[in-house]
Amino acid sequence: MSAWLRGEDKVREKGGPSWSSLATALDKEGKHHIATNIRDKYYPNGVSTPPTGGTSTGREVVAIGDYTAQYSDELTFSEGEILQILEEVDDNWYHGVCQDKVGIFPKTYVREP
């Protein structure tokens, strides 16, 4: 829990959503009911919800390679799949949608169609 509060968890380091890592930290502290509430609110059906407003930027990109999520807030996708961009997280990551799942993904694995 203290690592999460100090921003030392891997999800927060790369600028992505941190609710999943907070829930994990709370589980480790034995606060399962709080962790469950966070997951229920921010990860219904096991996927993250879009940012406030939840609207797409209207931009789509094509996966130029397979990418396997390394953290629970990331998307897994295959070469050729179309991803919708919800927002630009930073210079290296997008937040978007692929196959009805929402998460972050590296810009280096996609290109404009």
C-alpha atoms as a PDB file:
ATOM      1  CA  MET A   1       0.000   0.000   0.000  1.00  0.00           C
ATOM      2  CA  SER A   2       2.751   2.469   0.877  1.00  0.00           C
ATOM      3  CA  ALA A   3       4.454   1.812  -2.492  1.00  0.00           C
ATOM      4  CA  TRP A   4       1.222   2.788  -4.242  1.00  0.00           C
ATOM      5  CA  LEU A   5       0.918   5.970  -2.178  1.00  0.00           C
ATOM      6  CA  ARG A   6       4.512   6.912  -3.025  1.00  0.00           C
ATOM      7  CA  GLY A   7       3.834   6.268  -6.730  1.00  0.00           C
ATOM      8  CA  GLU A   8       6.287   3.381  -6.900  1.00  0.00           C
ATOM      9  CA  ASP A   9       3.910   0.877  -8.456  1.00  0.00           C
ATOM     10  CA  LYS A  10       4.586   0.111 -12.128  1.00  0.00           C
ATOM     11  CA  VAL A  11       1.161   1.248 -13.406  1.00  0.00           C
ATOM     12  CA  ARG A  12       1.485   4.767 -12.030  1.00  0.00           C
ATOM     13  CA  GLU A  13       5.106   5.063 -13.205  1.00  0.00           C
ATOM     14  CA  LYS A  14       4.057   4.879 -16.832  1.00  0.00           C
ATOM     15  CA  GLY A  15       1.209   7.341 -16.369  1.00  0.00           C
ATOM     16  CA  GLY A  16      -1.678   4.937 -16.804  1.00  0.00           C
ATOM     17  CA  PRO A  17      -4.755   4.427 -14.694  1.00  0.00           C
ATOM     18  CA  SER A  18      -3.880   3.386 -11.155  1.00  0.00           C
ATOM     19  CA  TRP A  19      -7.134   1.986  -9.738  1.00  0.00           C
ATOM     20  CA  SER A  20      -6.121  -1.592 -10.462  1.00  0.00           C
ATOM     21  CA  SER A  21      -2.810  -1.198  -8.669  1.00  0.00           C
ATOM     22  CA  LEU A  22      -4.532   0.465  -5.716  1.00  0.00           C
ATOM     23  CA  ALA A  23      -6.946  -2.473  -5.461  1.00  0.00           C
ATOM     24  CA  THR A  24      -4.012  -4.897  -5.567  1.00  0.00           C
ATOM     25  CA  ALA A  25      -2.223  -2.957  -2.812  1.00  0.00           C
ATOM     26  CA  LEU A  26      -5.369  -2.986  -0.671  1.00  0.00           C
ATOM     27  CA  ASP A  27      -5.727  -6.759  -1.160  1.00  0.00           C
ATOM     28  CA  LYS A  28      -2.176  -7.226   0.115  1.00  0.00           C
ATOM     29  CA  GLU A  29      -3.102  -5.208   3.214  1.00  0.00           C
ATOM     30  CA  GLY A  30      -6.140  -7.456   3.817  1.00  0.00           C
ATOM     31  CA  LYS A  31      -8.659  -4.728   2.917  1.00  0.00           C
ATOM     32  CA  HIS A  32     -10.515  -6.919   0.424  1.00  0.00           C
ATOM     33  CA  HIS A  33     -13.881  -5.153   0.778  1.00  0.00           C
ATOM     34  CA  ILE A  34     -12.376  -1.802  -0.291  1.00  0.00           C
ATOM     35  CA  ALA A  35     -10.462  -3.441  -3.151  1.00  0.00           C
ATOM     36  CA  THR A  36     -13.668  -5.113  -4.317  1.00  0.00           C
ATOM     37  CA  ASN A  37     -15.540  -1.795  -4.265  1.00  0.00           C
ATOM     38  CA  ILE A  38     -12.825  -0.171  -6.401  1.00  0.00           C
ATOM     39  CA  ARG A  39     -12.865  -3.024  -8.907  1.00  0.00           C
ATOM     40  CA  ASP A  40     -16.666  -2.985  -9.089  1.00  0.00           C
ATOM     41  CA  LYS A  41     -16.712   0.758  -9.751  1.00  0.00           C
ATOM     42  CA  TYR A  42     -13.786   1.118 -12.156  1.00  0.00           C
ATOM     43  CA  TYR A  43     -13.552  -2.348 -13.708  1.00  0.00           C
ATOM     44  CA  PRO A  44     -17.087  -3.651 -14.241  1.00  0.00           C
ATOM     45  CA  ASN A  45     -16.981  -6.916 -16.181  1.00  0.00           C
ATOM     46  CA  GLY A  46     -13.215  -7.021 -15.641  1.00  0.00           C
ATOM     47  CA  VAL A  47     -12.334  -4.059 -17.897  1.00  0.00           C
ATOM     48  CA  SER A  48     -11.655  -0.436 -17.118  1.00  0.00           C
ATOM     49  CA  THR A  49     -14.201   2.232 -17.906  1.00  0.00           C
ATOM     50  CA  PRO A  50     -13.461   5.089 -20.300  1.00  0.00           C
ATOM     51  CA  PRO A  51     -12.259   8.393 -18.874  1.00  0.00           C
ATOM     52  CA  THR A  52     -14.815  11.035 -17.886  1.00  0.00           C
ATOM     53  CA  GLY A  53     -17.204  11.470 -20.766  1.00  0.00           C
ATOM     54  CA  GLY A  54     -16.171   8.148 -22.269  1.00  0.00           C
ATOM     55  CA  THR A  55     -16.183   9.501 -25.799  1.00  0.00           C
ATOM     56  CA  SER A  56     -13.811   8.501 -28.533  1.00  0.00           C
ATOM     57  CA  THR A  57     -11.602  11.109 -30.183  1.00  0.00           C
ATOM     58  CA  GLY A  58     -12.862   9.699 -33.467  1.00  0.00           C
ATOM     59  CA  ARG A  59      -9.339   8.541 -34.263  1.00  0.00           C
ATOM     60  CA  GLU A  60      -8.616   4.962 -35.100  1.00  0.00           C
ATOM     61  CA  VAL A  61      -5.291   3.211 -35.430  1.00  0.00           C
ATOM     62  CA  VAL A  62      -4.264  -0.195 -36.762  1.00  0.00           C
ATOM     63  CA  ALA A  63      -2.110  -2.628 -34.788  1.00  0.00           C
ATOM     64  CA  ILE A  64       1.162  -3.272 -36.627  1.00  0.00           C
ATOM     65  CA  GLY A  65       2.077  -6.152 -34.332  1.00  0.00           C
ATOM     66  CA  ASP A  66       0.725  -8.348 -31.570  1.00  0.00           C
ATOM     67  CA  TYR A  67       0.811  -6.823 -28.095  1.00  0.00           C
ATOM     68  CA  THR A  68       0.212  -8.748 -24.869  1.00  0.00           C
ATOM     69  CA  ALA A  69      -0.789  -6.684 -21.848  1.00  0.00           C
ATOM     70  CA  GLN A  70       1.778  -6.703 -19.063  1.00  0.00           C
ATOM     71  CA  TYR A  71      -0.500  -5.021 -16.497  1.00  0.00           C
ATOM     72  CA  SER A  72      -4.235  -5.213 -15.877  1.00  0.00           C
ATOM     73  CA  ASP A  73      -4.856  -1.698 -17.233  1.00  0.00           C
ATOM     74  CA  GLU A  74      -3.337  -2.502 -20.653  1.00  0.00           C
ATOM     75  CA  LEU A  75      -4.992  -3.854 -23.796  1.00  0.00           C
ATOM     76  CA  THR A  76      -4.010  -7.072 -25.544  1.00  0.00           C
ATOM     77  CA  PHE A  77      -4.444  -7.039 -29.322  1.00  0.00           C
ATOM     78  CA  SER A  78      -3.297  -8.718 -32.525  1.00  0.00           C
ATOM     79  CA  GLU A  79      -1.726  -7.364 -35.676  1.00  0.00           C
ATOM     80  CA  GLY A  80      -4.350  -5.846 -37.969  1.00  0.00           C
ATOM     81  CA  GLU A  81      -6.913  -5.071 -35.273  1.00  0.00           C
ATOM     82  CA  ILE A  82      -8.463  -1.594 -35.210  1.00  0.00           C
ATOM     83  CA  LEU A  83      -8.219   0.378 -31.946  1.00  0.00           C
ATOM     84  CA  GLN A  84     -10.175   3.529 -31.113  1.00  0.00           C
ATOM     85  CA  ILE A  85      -8.251   6.234 -29.290  1.00  0.00           C
ATOM     86  CA  LEU A  86     -10.019   7.777 -26.287  1.00  0.00           C
ATOM     87  CA  GLU A  87      -7.112   9.993 -25.261  1.00  0.00           C
ATOM     88  CA  GLU A  88      -3.361  10.411 -25.459  1.00  0.00           C
ATOM     89  CA  VAL A  89      -1.860   9.474 -22.089  1.00  0.00           C
ATOM     90  CA  ASP A  90       1.652  10.766 -22.835  1.00  0.00           C
ATOM     91  CA  ASP A  91       4.288  10.629 -25.585  1.00  0.00           C
ATOM     92  CA  ASN A  92       4.399   6.819 -25.447  1.00  0.00           C
ATOM     93  CA  TRP A  93       0.878   5.613 -24.577  1.00  0.00           C
ATOM     94  CA  TYR A  94      -2.721   5.892 -25.776  1.00  0.00           C
ATOM     95  CA  HIS A  95      -5.876   5.104 -23.788  1.00  0.00           C
ATOM     96  CA  GLY A  96      -8.349   3.388 -26.057  1.00  0.00           C
ATOM     97  CA  VAL A  97     -10.759   0.608 -26.969  1.00  0.00           C
ATOM     98  CA  CYS A  98     -10.251  -2.703 -28.741  1.00  0.00           C
ATOM     99  CA  GLN A  99     -12.937  -5.382 -28.987  1.00  0.00           C
ATOM    100  CA  ASP A 100     -15.096  -3.720 -26.294  1.00  0.00           C
ATOM    101  CA  LYS A 101     -12.215  -3.602 -23.810  1.00  0.00           C
ATOM    102  CA  VAL A 102     -10.711  -0.359 -22.568  1.00  0.00           C
ATOM    103  CA  GLY A 103      -7.099   0.190 -21.554  1.00  0.00           C
ATOM    104  CA  ILE A 104      -3.788   1.751 -22.381  1.00  0.00           C
ATOM    105  CA  PHE A 105      -1.449   0.607 -25.136  1.00  0.00           C
ATOM    106  CA  PRO A 106       1.954   1.656 -26.506  1.00  0.00           C
ATOM    107  CA  LYS A 107       1.978   3.973 -29.520  1.00  0.00           C
ATOM    108  CA  THR A 108       4.817   2.011 -31.099  1.00  0.00           C
ATOM    109  CA  TYR A 109       2.492  -0.935 -31.808  1.00  0.00           C
ATOM    110  CA  VAL A 110       0.000   1.036 -33.900  1.00  0.00           C
ATOM    111  CA  ARG A 111      -0.143   3.286 -36.960  1.00  0.00           C
ATOM    112  CA  GLU A 112      -2.686   5.554 -38.611  1.00  0.00           C
ATOM    113  CA  PRO A 113      -4.803   3.598 -41.150  1.00  0.00           C
END
